[in-house]
Amino acid sequence: MSTQTADLTAESRQQAPVPAPSAWWVLIAGVIGLAASATLTVEKIDLLLNPAYVPTCNFNPVLSCGSVMVTPQASVLGFPNPLLGLVAFTVVVVTGLLAMAKVPLPQWYWIGLTIGLLLGAVFVHWLIYESLYTIGALCPYCMVVWAATVTLLVVVASIVWRPALLSRGRGVAWVLYQWRWSIVALWFTTVFLLIMARFWDYWSTLL
């Protein structure tokens, strides 16, 4: 009897099976974020070795990785921010592979990943503000990381809370779950409009 109870307890600690689309997105977004972080790391190394190096993502005065890389905001913890991305997105990619392989992961793991992504999203929004209103330039690869982080937060949080929300089917949390992708679309639209407004003096010259 005790063995059965232990088995039930162990099962209750497992996260419900991850829907295939969610597992795919965790993997794809993780790969995209990892690729962007790796590219930024290589570009940063090249810039450190040769201060005259022009990063491949320097497109114009606004979309300019080089202008962002040399700022204090690009090394908040004393080392380049992309190194954080290398570690974080590697964890996400491994998680996506395990989810695709239907390997059961404990609930605490998914909750921990959600918290990590939430902290990452907070960091992303701080970087967005700094890029727009302090640095005055945008890093295209960084923007890829922004998008990957926010969408991953939505997907992983949905994986964590979906079983409970489906069983209840009501309340504010349920409404947020139902409208989650509309909220994400609104977020992208808001960031786009902020970018257009902040750099309109430059964009208008291109018209």
Protein backbone atom coordinates (compact mmCIF):
# COMPACT_ATOMS: atom_id res chain seq x y z
CA MET A 1 0.00 0.00 0.00
CA SER A 2 2.81 2.38 0.86
CA THR A 3 4.45 1.61 -2.47
CA GLN A 4 1.26 2.56 -4.33
CA THR A 5 1.00 5.77 -2.34
CA ALA A 6 4.61 6.62 -3.16
CA ASP A 7 3.94 5.95 -6.86
CA LEU A 8 0.89 8.22 -6.83
CA THR A 9 2.87 10.94 -5.07
CA ALA A 10 5.66 10.66 -7.64
CA GLU A 11 3.15 10.83 -10.49
CA SER A 12 1.51 13.92 -8.99
CA ARG A 13 4.86 15.65 -9.06
CA GLN A 14 5.22 15.08 -12.79
CA GLN A 15 4.09 17.74 -15.24
CA ALA A 16 1.24 16.72 -17.53
CA PRO A 17 2.37 15.72 -21.05
CA VAL A 18 3.54 18.72 -23.03
CA PRO A 19 1.44 19.40 -26.15
CA ALA A 20 3.48 18.87 -29.32
CA PRO A 21 3.14 22.49 -30.58
CA SER A 22 4.42 23.80 -27.24
CA ALA A 23 7.32 21.34 -27.21
CA TRP A 24 8.22 22.34 -30.76
CA TRP A 25 8.17 26.04 -29.90
CA VAL A 26 10.34 25.57 -26.80
CA LEU A 27 12.89 23.84 -29.02
CA ILE A 28 12.66 26.26 -31.97
CA ALA A 29 12.71 29.43 -29.87
CA GLY A 30 15.55 28.01 -27.82
CA VAL A 31 17.60 27.33 -30.96
CA ILE A 32 16.84 30.82 -32.31
CA GLY A 33 17.81 32.47 -29.03
CA LEU A 34 20.95 30.35 -28.75
CA ALA A 35 22.00 31.19 -32.31
CA ALA A 36 21.47 34.92 -31.70
CA SER A 37 23.41 34.77 -28.42
CA ALA A 38 26.26 32.83 -30.02
CA THR A 39 26.46 35.31 -32.90
CA LEU A 40 26.52 38.24 -30.49
CA THR A 41 29.27 36.55 -28.48
CA VAL A 42 31.42 36.06 -31.59
CA GLU A 43 30.79 39.65 -32.68
CA LYS A 44 31.76 40.91 -29.21
CA ILE A 45 35.01 38.90 -29.26
CA ASP A 46 35.85 40.27 -32.72
CA LEU A 47 35.19 43.79 -31.47
CA LEU A 48 37.40 43.27 -28.42
CA LEU A 49 40.22 41.93 -30.61
CA ASN A 50 39.84 44.71 -33.14
CA PRO A 51 38.20 47.97 -31.99
CA ALA A 52 37.88 48.98 -35.65
CA TYR A 53 35.81 45.87 -36.45
CA VAL A 54 32.36 46.62 -37.87
CA PRO A 55 29.78 44.04 -36.67
CA THR A 56 27.70 42.34 -39.33
CA CYS A 57 24.54 43.73 -37.74
CA ASN A 58 25.51 47.38 -38.25
CA PHE A 59 22.95 48.38 -40.86
CA ASN A 60 22.36 52.08 -40.20
CA PRO A 61 22.57 54.62 -37.35
CA VAL A 62 19.55 53.05 -35.62
CA LEU A 63 20.06 49.33 -36.25
CA SER A 64 23.63 49.12 -35.02
CA CYS A 65 24.94 46.32 -32.79
CA GLY A 66 28.31 48.00 -32.49
CA SER A 67 26.81 51.07 -30.84
CA VAL A 68 25.10 48.87 -28.25
CA MET A 69 27.98 46.46 -27.59
CA VAL A 70 30.32 49.15 -26.27
CA THR A 71 27.88 50.46 -23.64
CA PRO A 72 27.83 49.49 -19.93
CA GLN A 73 24.32 48.07 -20.43
CA ALA A 74 25.84 45.38 -22.67
CA SER A 75 27.84 43.97 -19.75
CA VAL A 76 25.58 44.41 -16.73
CA LEU A 77 27.22 41.70 -14.61
CA GLY A 78 30.76 42.53 -15.66
CA PHE A 79 30.79 40.21 -18.68
CA PRO A 80 28.95 40.40 -22.02
CA ASN A 81 25.21 39.80 -21.73
CA PRO A 82 25.21 37.23 -24.57
CA LEU A 83 27.04 34.80 -22.29
CA LEU A 84 23.91 34.72 -20.14
CA GLY A 85 21.96 33.89 -23.27
CA LEU A 86 24.32 31.04 -24.17
CA VAL A 87 23.68 29.37 -20.83
CA ALA A 88 19.96 30.13 -20.60
CA PHE A 89 19.04 29.13 -24.14
CA THR A 90 21.13 25.95 -23.91
CA VAL A 91 18.90 24.92 -21.00
CA VAL A 92 15.83 25.80 -23.08
CA VAL A 93 17.05 23.77 -26.08
CA VAL A 94 17.71 20.71 -23.90
CA THR A 95 14.27 21.14 -22.33
CA GLY A 96 12.69 21.33 -25.78
CA LEU A 97 14.45 18.15 -26.89
CA LEU A 98 13.28 16.32 -23.76
CA ALA A 99 9.73 17.58 -24.28
CA MET A 100 9.79 16.46 -27.92
CA ALA A 101 10.99 13.03 -26.78
CA LYS A 102 8.10 12.86 -24.27
CA VAL A 103 10.51 12.61 -21.36
CA PRO A 104 8.51 13.51 -18.21
CA LEU A 105 9.95 16.41 -16.24
CA PRO A 106 8.90 17.28 -12.69
CA GLN A 107 6.52 20.15 -12.08
CA TRP A 108 9.14 22.05 -10.06
CA TYR A 109 11.42 22.08 -13.10
CA TRP A 110 8.83 23.75 -15.31
CA ILE A 111 7.97 26.22 -12.56
CA GLY A 112 11.66 27.03 -12.14
CA LEU A 113 12.02 27.52 -15.90
CA THR A 114 9.01 29.83 -15.88
CA ILE A 115 10.54 31.92 -13.08
CA GLY A 116 13.83 32.08 -14.97
CA LEU A 117 12.07 33.24 -18.13
CA LEU A 118 10.10 35.80 -16.14
CA LEU A 119 13.35 37.25 -14.81
CA GLY A 120 14.71 37.17 -18.35
CA ALA A 121 11.65 39.05 -19.61
CA VAL A 122 12.12 41.72 -16.93
CA PHE A 123 15.76 42.07 -18.03
CA VAL A 124 14.64 42.28 -21.66
CA HIS A 125 12.24 45.13 -20.91
CA TRP A 126 14.97 47.02 -19.09
CA LEU A 127 17.21 46.58 -22.14
CA ILE A 128 14.42 47.77 -24.42
CA TYR A 129 14.07 50.94 -22.37
CA GLU A 130 17.83 51.51 -22.28
CA SER A 131 18.18 50.89 -26.01
CA LEU A 132 15.40 53.30 -26.89
CA TYR A 133 15.94 56.14 -24.46
CA THR A 134 19.53 55.95 -23.18
CA ILE A 135 21.69 54.33 -25.87
CA GLY A 136 19.65 55.51 -28.82
CA ALA A 137 20.35 52.47 -30.98
CA LEU A 138 19.01 48.97 -31.53
CA CYS A 139 20.83 45.67 -31.81
CA PRO A 140 19.01 43.40 -34.31
CA TYR A 141 20.33 40.19 -32.76
CA CYS A 142 19.30 41.44 -29.33
CA MET A 143 15.81 42.06 -30.66
CA VAL A 144 15.67 38.42 -31.75
CA VAL A 145 16.52 37.44 -28.17
CA TRP A 146 13.79 39.77 -26.88
CA ALA A 147 11.18 38.09 -29.07
CA ALA A 148 12.35 34.57 -28.21
CA THR A 149 12.32 35.29 -24.47
CA VAL A 150 8.81 36.77 -24.37
CA THR A 151 7.24 34.05 -26.48
CA LEU A 152 9.03 31.35 -24.48
CA LEU A 153 7.67 32.83 -21.25
CA VAL A 154 4.13 32.59 -22.61
CA VAL A 155 4.55 29.02 -23.86
CA VAL A 156 6.31 27.65 -20.77
CA ALA A 157 3.88 29.38 -18.39
CA SER A 158 1.05 27.82 -20.42
CA ILE A 159 2.64 24.39 -20.04
CA VAL A 160 2.77 24.88 -16.27
CA TRP A 161 -0.74 26.24 -15.73
CA ARG A 162 -2.74 24.70 -18.59
CA PRO A 163 -3.89 21.54 -16.72
CA ALA A 164 -5.18 23.53 -13.73
CA LEU A 165 -6.82 26.16 -15.92
CA LEU A 166 -8.56 23.57 -18.07
CA SER A 167 -9.99 21.90 -14.98
CA ARG A 168 -11.34 25.20 -13.64
CA GLY A 169 -12.20 27.02 -16.83
CA ARG A 170 -12.97 30.36 -15.23
CA GLY A 171 -11.39 33.39 -13.60
CA VAL A 172 -8.91 36.03 -14.67
CA ALA A 173 -6.13 33.48 -15.20
CA TRP A 174 -8.33 31.57 -17.64
CA VAL A 175 -9.10 34.75 -19.60
CA LEU A 176 -5.39 35.59 -19.78
CA TYR A 177 -4.66 32.06 -20.97
CA GLN A 178 -7.33 32.25 -23.67
CA TRP A 179 -6.05 35.61 -24.91
CA ARG A 180 -2.33 34.96 -24.39
CA TRP A 181 -1.34 35.20 -28.06
CA SER A 182 -3.43 38.32 -28.56
CA ILE A 183 -1.53 39.83 -25.63
CA VAL A 184 1.78 38.79 -27.23
CA ALA A 185 0.69 40.38 -30.52
CA LEU A 186 -0.18 43.56 -28.61
CA TRP A 187 3.29 43.48 -27.01
CA PHE A 188 5.00 43.22 -30.41
CA THR A 189 2.84 46.02 -31.76
CA THR A 190 3.62 48.25 -28.78
CA VAL A 191 7.38 47.70 -29.09
CA PHE A 192 7.20 48.36 -32.82
CA LEU A 193 5.30 51.62 -32.28
CA LEU A 194 7.75 52.73 -29.58
CA ILE A 195 10.64 52.10 -31.97
CA MET A 196 8.92 54.00 -34.76
CA ALA A 197 8.13 56.95 -32.48
CA ARG A 198 11.58 57.09 -30.88
CA PHE A 199 13.48 57.05 -34.17
CA TRP A 200 10.93 58.76 -36.38
CA ASP A 201 13.40 61.51 -37.30
CA TYR A 202 15.55 58.87 -38.98
CA TRP A 203 12.74 56.72 -40.42
CA SER A 204 11.15 59.80 -41.99
CA THR A 205 14.29 60.44 -44.01
CA LEU A 206 13.84 57.07 -45.69
CA LEU A 207 10.38 57.90 -47.00
